[in-house]
């Protein structure tokens, strides 16, 4: 039998491969299919019965709309969203928070409605000082933001 997983794109790259290897070490051979999607679509896959297990991010301020009577939840780890930018020749970031009022930092953001985007909005809102950011690019995929940041296009929370 094949276990079907619904997983957000970023976890499909950053978490799933290592986690699956740990499972195989503990349980032996496991056949699986990974369906990578955004968080909303991954949750729909579970609620519509199109997968066996759902792996998603969870934050208390952005609860998942899944019935706790129907679905069990377990925490598999913790991640921290942090700002990243390409380094210059001296190893210093090209863009450093908070930026300056007259000179906003090029900001690589998650698309509107993306789960991680809502968490970044909270980080920006709750920052100790105003962050001077100019959203110049957006996507719903963390890997896309990472690639743009590594090329020096701006600062991204990953």
C-alpha atoms as a PDB file:
ATOM      1  CA  UNK A   1       0.000   0.000   0.000  1.00  0.00           C
ATOM      2  CA  UNK A   2       1.042   3.544  -0.750  1.00  0.00           C
ATOM      3  CA  UNK A   3       0.771   6.268   1.915  1.00  0.00           C
ATOM      4  CA  UNK A   4      -0.341   9.573   0.387  1.00  0.00           C
ATOM      5  CA  UNK A   5       1.012  12.760   1.955  1.00  0.00           C
ATOM      6  CA  UNK A   6      -0.229  16.295   1.302  1.00  0.00           C
ATOM      7  CA  UNK A   7       2.595  18.715   2.091  1.00  0.00           C
ATOM      8  CA  UNK A   8       3.235  22.423   1.448  1.00  0.00           C
ATOM      9  CA  UNK A   9       5.962  23.065  -1.137  1.00  0.00           C
ATOM     10  CA  UNK A  10       8.460  24.418   1.398  1.00  0.00           C
ATOM     11  CA  UNK A  11       8.128  21.397   3.710  1.00  0.00           C
ATOM     12  CA  UNK A  12       8.419  19.098   0.698  1.00  0.00           C
ATOM     13  CA  UNK A  13      11.930  20.519   0.176  1.00  0.00           C
ATOM     14  CA  UNK A  14      13.095  21.342   3.692  1.00  0.00           C
ATOM     15  CA  UNK A  15      11.509  18.765   5.990  1.00  0.00           C
ATOM     16  CA  UNK A  16       9.982  15.777   4.244  1.00  0.00           C
ATOM     17  CA  UNK A  17      13.065  14.014   2.766  1.00  0.00           C
ATOM     18  CA  UNK A  18      14.930  13.798   6.089  1.00  0.00           C
ATOM     19  CA  UNK A  19      11.777  12.981   8.063  1.00  0.00           C
ATOM     20  CA  UNK A  20      10.901  10.155   5.655  1.00  0.00           C
ATOM     21  CA  UNK A  21      14.415   8.720   6.023  1.00  0.00           C
ATOM     22  CA  UNK A  22      13.945   8.701   9.810  1.00  0.00           C
ATOM     23  CA  UNK A  23      10.608   6.911   9.381  1.00  0.00           C
ATOM     24  CA  UNK A  24      12.195   4.290   7.132  1.00  0.00           C
ATOM     25  CA  UNK A  25      14.973   3.703   9.660  1.00  0.00           C
ATOM     26  CA  UNK A  26      12.368   3.121  12.355  1.00  0.00           C
ATOM     27  CA  UNK A  27       9.689   1.241  10.421  1.00  0.00           C
ATOM     28  CA  UNK A  28      11.413  -0.248   7.383  1.00  0.00           C
ATOM     29  CA  UNK A  29      10.353   0.168   3.782  1.00  0.00           C
ATOM     30  CA  UNK A  30       7.591   2.719   3.258  1.00  0.00           C
ATOM     31  CA  UNK A  31       5.966   3.382  -0.086  1.00  0.00           C
ATOM     32  CA  UNK A  32       4.607   6.878  -0.382  1.00  0.00           C
ATOM     33  CA  UNK A  33       3.365   9.549  -2.729  1.00  0.00           C
ATOM     34  CA  UNK A  34       3.985  13.222  -1.993  1.00  0.00           C
ATOM     35  CA  UNK A  35       1.459  15.764  -3.205  1.00  0.00           C
ATOM     36  CA  UNK A  36       3.062  19.205  -2.866  1.00  0.00           C
ATOM     37  CA  UNK A  37       0.622  22.115  -2.699  1.00  0.00           C
ATOM     38  CA  UNK A  38      -0.001  25.352  -0.862  1.00  0.00           C
ATOM     39  CA  UNK A  39      -1.283  24.971   2.721  1.00  0.00           C
ATOM     40  CA  UNK A  40      -4.925  25.610   1.781  1.00  0.00           C
ATOM     41  CA  UNK A  41      -4.926  23.056  -1.037  1.00  0.00           C
ATOM     42  CA  UNK A  42      -3.066  20.503   1.097  1.00  0.00           C
ATOM     43  CA  UNK A  43      -5.750  20.865   3.782  1.00  0.00           C
ATOM     44  CA  UNK A  44      -8.440  20.381   1.124  1.00  0.00           C
ATOM     45  CA  UNK A  45      -6.745  17.167   0.003  1.00  0.00           C
ATOM     46  CA  UNK A  46      -7.082  15.813   3.541  1.00  0.00           C
ATOM     47  CA  UNK A  47     -10.653  16.983   4.125  1.00  0.00           C
ATOM     48  CA  UNK A  48     -11.757  15.568   0.751  1.00  0.00           C
ATOM     49  CA  UNK A  49     -10.111  12.206   1.481  1.00  0.00           C
ATOM     50  CA  UNK A  50      -7.437  12.548  -1.206  1.00  0.00           C
ATOM     51  CA  UNK A  51      -4.506  11.864   1.124  1.00  0.00           C
ATOM     52  CA  UNK A  52      -3.741   9.847   4.230  1.00  0.00           C
ATOM     53  CA  UNK A  53      -1.596  12.366   6.105  1.00  0.00           C
ATOM     54  CA  UNK A  54      -1.224  16.124   6.054  1.00  0.00           C
ATOM     55  CA  UNK A  55       2.014  17.850   7.054  1.00  0.00           C
ATOM     56  CA  UNK A  56       1.628  21.618   7.500  1.00  0.00           C
ATOM     57  CA  UNK A  57       2.928  24.556   9.448  1.00  0.00           C
ATOM     58  CA  UNK A  58       0.948  25.603  12.498  1.00  0.00           C
ATOM     59  CA  UNK A  59       1.028  28.785  14.531  1.00  0.00           C
ATOM     60  CA  UNK A  60      -1.379  29.646  17.351  1.00  0.00           C
ATOM     61  CA  UNK A  61      -2.182  33.010  15.756  1.00  0.00           C
ATOM     62  CA  UNK A  62      -3.098  31.313  12.452  1.00  0.00           C
ATOM     63  CA  UNK A  63      -5.008  28.164  13.461  1.00  0.00           C
ATOM     64  CA  UNK A  64      -5.810  25.573  10.832  1.00  0.00           C
ATOM     65  CA  UNK A  65      -9.480  25.176  10.014  1.00  0.00           C
ATOM     66  CA  UNK A  66      -9.619  21.428  10.619  1.00  0.00           C
ATOM     67  CA  UNK A  67     -12.136  19.746  12.908  1.00  0.00           C
ATOM     68  CA  UNK A  68     -10.206  18.475  15.979  1.00  0.00           C
ATOM     69  CA  UNK A  69     -12.945  15.868  16.528  1.00  0.00           C
ATOM     70  CA  UNK A  70     -12.178  14.373  13.125  1.00  0.00           C
ATOM     71  CA  UNK A  71      -8.410  14.882  12.844  1.00  0.00           C
ATOM     72  CA  UNK A  72      -5.617  14.245  15.324  1.00  0.00           C
ATOM     73  CA  UNK A  73      -2.677  16.624  15.378  1.00  0.00           C
ATOM     74  CA  UNK A  74       0.921  16.020  16.449  1.00  0.00           C
ATOM     75  CA  UNK A  75       3.832  18.453  16.441  1.00  0.00           C
ATOM     76  CA  UNK A  76       6.822  17.155  14.471  1.00  0.00           C
ATOM     77  CA  UNK A  77       9.179  20.065  15.118  1.00  0.00           C
ATOM     78  CA  UNK A  78       9.660  23.803  15.203  1.00  0.00           C
ATOM     79  CA  UNK A  79      10.938  26.272  12.638  1.00  0.00           C
ATOM     80  CA  UNK A  80      11.752  29.958  12.905  1.00  0.00           C
ATOM     81  CA  UNK A  81      11.122  32.451  10.127  1.00  0.00           C
ATOM     82  CA  UNK A  82      14.159  34.717   9.833  1.00  0.00           C
ATOM     83  CA  UNK A  83      15.225  37.419   7.368  1.00  0.00           C
ATOM     84  CA  UNK A  84      17.831  36.417   4.789  1.00  0.00           C
ATOM     85  CA  UNK A  85      19.718  38.336   2.117  1.00  0.00           C
ATOM     86  CA  UNK A  86      22.692  37.638  -0.119  1.00  0.00           C
ATOM     87  CA  UNK A  87      26.074  38.475   1.429  1.00  0.00           C
ATOM     88  CA  UNK A  88      28.537  40.927  -0.106  1.00  0.00           C
ATOM     89  CA  UNK A  89      32.247  40.158  -0.697  1.00  0.00           C
ATOM     90  CA  UNK A  90      32.979  40.781   3.005  1.00  0.00           C
ATOM     91  CA  UNK A  91      30.249  38.379   4.134  1.00  0.00           C
ATOM     92  CA  UNK A  92      27.848  41.128   5.227  1.00  0.00           C
ATOM     93  CA  UNK A  93      24.190  41.033   4.135  1.00  0.00           C
ATOM     94  CA  UNK A  94      23.372  43.281   1.190  1.00  0.00           C
ATOM     95  CA  UNK A  95      20.162  44.275   2.985  1.00  0.00           C
ATOM     96  CA  UNK A  96      19.835  44.664   6.748  1.00  0.00           C
ATOM     97  CA  UNK A  97      16.724  45.312   8.809  1.00  0.00           C
ATOM     98  CA  UNK A  98      15.181  47.692   9.657  1.00  0.00           C
ATOM     99  CA  UNK A  99      16.302  49.647   6.588  1.00  0.00           C
ATOM    100  CA  UNK A 100      16.005  53.461   6.496  1.00  0.00           C
ATOM    101  CA  UNK A 101      12.882  55.632   6.139  1.00  0.00           C
ATOM    102  CA  UNK A 102      14.018  57.286   2.897  1.00  0.00           C
ATOM    103  CA  UNK A 103      15.607  54.136   1.512  1.00  0.00           C
ATOM    104  CA  UNK A 104      13.336  51.118   1.786  1.00  0.00           C
ATOM    105  CA  UNK A 105      14.750  47.615   1.486  1.00  0.00           C
ATOM    106  CA  UNK A 106      13.703  45.510  -1.513  1.00  0.00           C
ATOM    107  CA  UNK A 107      11.406  42.947   0.059  1.00  0.00           C
ATOM    108  CA  UNK A 108      10.745  39.506  -1.409  1.00  0.00           C
ATOM    109  CA  UNK A 109       7.358  38.550  -0.012  1.00  0.00           C
ATOM    110  CA  UNK A 110       4.964  35.657   0.076  1.00  0.00           C
ATOM    111  CA  UNK A 111       1.861  36.062  -2.084  1.00  0.00           C
ATOM    112  CA  UNK A 112      -1.329  37.320  -0.484  1.00  0.00           C
ATOM    113  CA  UNK A 113      -3.082  34.498   1.314  1.00  0.00           C
ATOM    114  CA  UNK A 114       0.009  32.296   1.662  1.00  0.00           C
ATOM    115  CA  UNK A 115       0.171  30.808   5.160  1.00  0.00           C
ATOM    116  CA  UNK A 116       3.817  31.809   5.689  1.00  0.00           C
ATOM    117  CA  UNK A 117       2.962  35.257   4.340  1.00  0.00           C
ATOM    118  CA  UNK A 118       0.461  35.765   7.154  1.00  0.00           C
ATOM    119  CA  UNK A 119       3.142  34.795   9.663  1.00  0.00           C
ATOM    120  CA  UNK A 120       5.625  37.243   8.105  1.00  0.00           C
ATOM    121  CA  UNK A 121       2.963  39.968   8.328  1.00  0.00           C
ATOM    122  CA  UNK A 122       2.784  39.293  12.080  1.00  0.00           C
ATOM    123  CA  UNK A 123       6.576  39.517  12.389  1.00  0.00           C
ATOM    124  CA  UNK A 124       6.645  42.843  10.556  1.00  0.00           C
ATOM    125  CA  UNK A 125       3.693  44.206  12.557  1.00  0.00           C
ATOM    126  CA  UNK A 126       5.163  43.137  15.917  1.00  0.00           C
ATOM    127  CA  UNK A 127       8.736  44.309  15.198  1.00  0.00           C
ATOM    128  CA  UNK A 128      10.323  46.565  17.836  1.00  0.00           C
ATOM    129  CA  UNK A 129      10.706  49.317  15.236  1.00  0.00           C
ATOM    130  CA  UNK A 130       9.215  50.095  11.843  1.00  0.00           C
ATOM    131  CA  UNK A 131      10.653  47.917   9.096  1.00  0.00           C
ATOM    132  CA  UNK A 132      11.214  49.903   5.918  1.00  0.00           C
ATOM    133  CA  UNK A 133      10.294  47.381   3.264  1.00  0.00           C
ATOM    134  CA  UNK A 134       9.271  47.774  -0.359  1.00  0.00           C
ATOM    135  CA  UNK A 135       7.634  44.596  -1.679  1.00  0.00           C
ATOM    136  CA  UNK A 136       9.181  44.173  -5.134  1.00  0.00           C
ATOM    137  CA  UNK A 137       8.421  40.490  -5.725  1.00  0.00           C
ATOM    138  CA  UNK A 138       5.990  37.910  -4.428  1.00  0.00           C
ATOM    139  CA  UNK A 139       5.359  34.207  -4.740  1.00  0.00           C
ATOM    140  CA  UNK A 140       3.670  31.587  -2.600  1.00  0.00           C
ATOM    141  CA  UNK A 141       6.750  29.340  -2.654  1.00  0.00           C
ATOM    142  CA  UNK A 142       9.558  29.745  -0.111  1.00  0.00           C
ATOM    143  CA  UNK A 143      12.009  28.139  -2.562  1.00  0.00           C
ATOM    144  CA  UNK A 144      11.236  30.915  -5.038  1.00  0.00           C
ATOM    145  CA  UNK A 145      11.964  33.561  -2.402  1.00  0.00           C
ATOM    146  CA  UNK A 146      15.180  31.782  -1.450  1.00  0.00           C
ATOM    147  CA  UNK A 147      16.376  31.722  -5.067  1.00  0.00           C
ATOM    148  CA  UNK A 148      15.632  35.430  -5.497  1.00  0.00           C
ATOM    149  CA  UNK A 149      17.394  36.310  -2.219  1.00  0.00           C
ATOM    150  CA  UNK A 150      20.465  34.258  -3.185  1.00  0.00           C
ATOM    151  CA  UNK A 151      20.674  36.210  -6.447  1.00  0.00           C
ATOM    152  CA  UNK A 152      20.672  39.484  -4.495  1.00  0.00           C
ATOM    153  CA  UNK A 153      17.214  40.742  -5.439  1.00  0.00           C
ATOM    154  CA  UNK A 154      16.233  41.603  -1.864  1.00  0.00           C
ATOM    155  CA  UNK A 155      15.469  40.374   1.627  1.00  0.00           C
ATOM    156  CA  UNK A 156      13.163  37.416   2.323  1.00  0.00           C
ATOM    157  CA  UNK A 157      11.861  35.727   5.447  1.00  0.00           C
ATOM    158  CA  UNK A 158      12.599  32.013   5.188  1.00  0.00           C
END
